[in-house]
Amino acid sequence: MKKTIKYPWQQLKKGQGFFVPALDTEKAKEEGLKAALTARVKAKAYIGIKAKRLGVLFLRSSDETL
């Protein structure tokens, strides 16, 4: 079963972020950063653990010069 993730790039203000739980963190990171490019948002992604869940933390950059 394939799950699609809706990345809230347009709703985020500069400096905000969100966490996506994922077992395949490299794939989630790649898809999230591609979605950021599509939304014309400068972003960073960090693999980590939050609330005992493995996943990716996405942060919208406060310095956006795309």
N, C-alpha and C. Protein backbone atom coordinates (compact mmCIF):
# COMPACT_ATOMS: atom_id res chain seq x y z
N MET A 1 0.83 -1.17 0.00
CA MET A 1 0.00 0.00 0.00
C MET A 1 0.89 1.25 0.00
N LYS A 2 0.71 2.09 -0.99
CA LYS A 2 1.50 3.31 -1.12
C LYS A 2 0.77 4.46 -0.45
N LYS A 3 1.46 5.14 0.44
CA LYS A 3 0.89 6.32 1.10
C LYS A 3 1.49 7.56 0.47
N THR A 4 0.65 8.54 0.26
CA THR A 4 1.16 9.81 -0.25
C THR A 4 1.21 10.81 0.90
N ILE A 5 2.25 11.58 0.91
CA ILE A 5 2.44 12.58 1.95
C ILE A 5 2.18 13.94 1.34
N LYS A 6 1.36 14.73 2.01
CA LYS A 6 1.10 16.10 1.56
C LYS A 6 1.99 17.02 2.40
N TYR A 7 2.94 17.63 1.74
CA TYR A 7 3.89 18.49 2.43
C TYR A 7 3.32 19.91 2.50
N PRO A 8 3.23 20.49 3.70
CA PRO A 8 2.57 21.80 3.87
C PRO A 8 3.50 22.99 3.65
N TRP A 9 4.28 22.98 2.58
CA TRP A 9 5.26 24.04 2.37
C TRP A 9 4.63 25.42 2.26
N GLN A 10 3.51 25.53 1.56
CA GLN A 10 2.89 26.84 1.35
C GLN A 10 2.33 27.44 2.65
N GLN A 11 1.91 26.59 3.59
CA GLN A 11 1.31 27.08 4.83
C GLN A 11 2.36 27.49 5.88
N LEU A 12 3.60 27.04 5.70
CA LEU A 12 4.64 27.34 6.68
C LEU A 12 5.19 28.74 6.50
N LYS A 13 5.46 29.37 7.63
CA LYS A 13 6.15 30.66 7.62
C LYS A 13 7.64 30.38 7.64
N LYS A 14 8.44 31.35 7.30
CA LYS A 14 9.89 31.19 7.32
C LYS A 14 10.35 30.80 8.72
N GLY A 15 11.21 29.79 8.79
CA GLY A 15 11.74 29.32 10.06
C GLY A 15 10.94 28.20 10.71
N GLN A 16 9.75 27.90 10.19
CA GLN A 16 8.93 26.82 10.74
C GLN A 16 9.28 25.49 10.09
N GLY A 17 8.80 24.40 10.69
CA GLY A 17 9.09 23.08 10.16
C GLY A 17 8.04 22.07 10.56
N PHE A 18 8.24 20.84 10.10
CA PHE A 18 7.33 19.74 10.41
C PHE A 18 8.11 18.43 10.36
N PHE A 19 7.57 17.41 11.04
CA PHE A 19 8.21 16.11 11.12
C PHE A 19 7.35 15.08 10.40
N VAL A 20 7.99 14.25 9.58
CA VAL A 20 7.31 13.18 8.85
C VAL A 20 7.87 11.85 9.33
N PRO A 21 7.08 11.03 10.05
CA PRO A 21 7.55 9.71 10.45
C PRO A 21 7.71 8.82 9.21
N ALA A 22 8.82 8.10 9.13
CA ALA A 22 9.06 7.25 7.97
C ALA A 22 10.11 6.20 8.30
N LEU A 23 9.92 5.00 7.75
CA LEU A 23 10.94 3.96 7.88
C LEU A 23 12.02 4.14 6.82
N ASP A 24 11.61 4.50 5.61
CA ASP A 24 12.56 4.76 4.53
C ASP A 24 12.85 6.27 4.53
N THR A 25 13.77 6.67 5.42
CA THR A 25 14.02 8.09 5.63
C THR A 25 14.65 8.77 4.41
N GLU A 26 15.51 8.07 3.70
CA GLU A 26 16.14 8.67 2.52
C GLU A 26 15.10 9.00 1.45
N LYS A 27 14.14 8.10 1.25
CA LYS A 27 13.09 8.34 0.27
C LYS A 27 12.20 9.50 0.71
N ALA A 28 11.82 9.55 1.98
CA ALA A 28 10.99 10.63 2.50
C ALA A 28 11.71 11.97 2.38
N LYS A 29 13.01 11.97 2.68
CA LYS A 29 13.81 13.19 2.58
C LYS A 29 13.85 13.69 1.14
N GLU A 30 14.10 12.78 0.21
CA GLU A 30 14.17 13.14 -1.21
C GLU A 30 12.84 13.69 -1.71
N GLU A 31 11.74 13.01 -1.38
CA GLU A 31 10.42 13.45 -1.83
C GLU A 31 10.05 14.80 -1.23
N GLY A 32 10.37 15.00 0.05
CA GLY A 32 10.04 16.26 0.71
C GLY A 32 10.80 17.44 0.13
N LEU A 33 12.08 17.23 -0.17
CA LEU A 33 12.87 18.31 -0.76
C LEU A 33 12.45 18.59 -2.20
N LYS A 34 12.01 17.56 -2.94
CA LYS A 34 11.48 17.78 -4.28
C LYS A 34 10.19 18.61 -4.21
N ALA A 35 9.34 18.30 -3.21
CA ALA A 35 8.10 19.05 -3.03
C ALA A 35 8.41 20.50 -2.68
N ALA A 36 9.48 20.74 -1.92
CA ALA A 36 9.87 22.11 -1.57
C ALA A 36 10.31 22.88 -2.82
N LEU A 37 11.05 22.21 -3.69
CA LEU A 37 11.45 22.86 -4.94
C LEU A 37 10.25 23.21 -5.80
N THR A 38 9.29 22.30 -5.86
CA THR A 38 8.07 22.54 -6.64
C THR A 38 7.31 23.74 -6.07
N ALA A 39 7.32 23.87 -4.74
CA ALA A 39 6.63 24.98 -4.09
C ALA A 39 7.49 26.25 -4.06
N ARG A 40 8.70 26.16 -4.62
CA ARG A 40 9.65 27.27 -4.67
C ARG A 40 10.00 27.77 -3.26
N VAL A 41 10.32 26.81 -2.40
CA VAL A 41 10.67 27.09 -1.01
C VAL A 41 12.06 26.52 -0.75
N LYS A 42 12.90 27.29 -0.10
CA LYS A 42 14.22 26.81 0.29
C LYS A 42 14.07 26.06 1.61
N ALA A 43 14.55 24.82 1.67
CA ALA A 43 14.32 23.98 2.84
C ALA A 43 15.53 23.09 3.13
N LYS A 44 15.55 22.59 4.37
CA LYS A 44 16.56 21.62 4.79
C LYS A 44 15.84 20.44 5.41
N ALA A 45 16.49 19.28 5.41
CA ALA A 45 15.89 18.07 5.97
C ALA A 45 16.92 17.36 6.85
N TYR A 46 16.45 16.89 8.00
CA TYR A 46 17.31 16.19 8.95
C TYR A 46 16.64 14.88 9.37
N ILE A 47 17.37 13.79 9.30
CA ILE A 47 16.86 12.50 9.74
C ILE A 47 17.06 12.39 11.24
N GLY A 48 16.01 11.93 11.95
CA GLY A 48 16.12 11.82 13.39
C GLY A 48 14.95 11.08 14.01
N ILE A 49 14.87 11.15 15.33
CA ILE A 49 13.81 10.47 16.09
C ILE A 49 13.06 11.52 16.90
N LYS A 50 11.75 11.48 16.83
CA LYS A 50 10.89 12.37 17.61
C LYS A 50 9.77 11.52 18.20
N ALA A 51 9.56 11.62 19.50
CA ALA A 51 8.51 10.86 20.20
C ALA A 51 8.62 9.36 19.87
N LYS A 52 9.85 8.85 19.90
CA LYS A 52 10.14 7.43 19.64
C LYS A 52 9.79 6.98 18.23
N ARG A 53 9.75 7.91 17.27
CA ARG A 53 9.46 7.56 15.88
C ARG A 53 10.58 8.06 14.98
N LEU A 54 11.05 7.18 14.11
CA LEU A 54 12.07 7.52 13.13
C LEU A 54 11.43 8.30 12.00
N GLY A 55 12.10 9.33 11.53
CA GLY A 55 11.54 10.10 10.43
C GLY A 55 12.45 11.23 10.00
N VAL A 56 11.84 12.22 9.34
CA VAL A 56 12.59 13.34 8.78
C VAL A 56 11.98 14.65 9.26
N LEU A 57 12.83 15.54 9.76
CA LEU A 57 12.41 16.88 10.15
C LEU A 57 12.72 17.81 8.99
N PHE A 58 11.70 18.48 8.48
CA PHE A 58 11.85 19.44 7.40
C PHE A 58 11.72 20.84 7.98
N LEU A 59 12.64 21.73 7.59
CA LEU A 59 12.61 23.10 8.05
C LEU A 59 12.63 24.05 6.86
N ARG A 60 11.72 25.03 6.89
CA ARG A 60 11.71 26.06 5.86
C ARG A 60 12.75 27.10 6.26
N SER A 61 13.63 27.45 5.35
CA SER A 61 14.71 28.37 5.63
C SER A 61 14.18 29.77 5.88
N SER A 62 14.81 30.47 6.81
CA SER A 62 14.41 31.85 7.06
C SER A 62 15.04 32.79 6.04
N ASP A 63 16.07 32.32 5.34
CA ASP A 63 16.71 33.09 4.27
C ASP A 63 16.35 32.45 2.94
N GLU A 64 15.35 32.99 2.28
CA GLU A 64 14.89 32.40 1.02
C GLU A 64 15.26 33.26 -0.16
N THR A 65 16.20 32.74 -0.93
CA THR A 65 16.60 33.44 -2.14
C THR A 65 16.65 32.42 -3.28
N LEU A 66 15.49 32.00 -3.72
CA LEU A 66 15.41 31.06 -4.85
C LEU A 66 15.24 31.81 -6.14
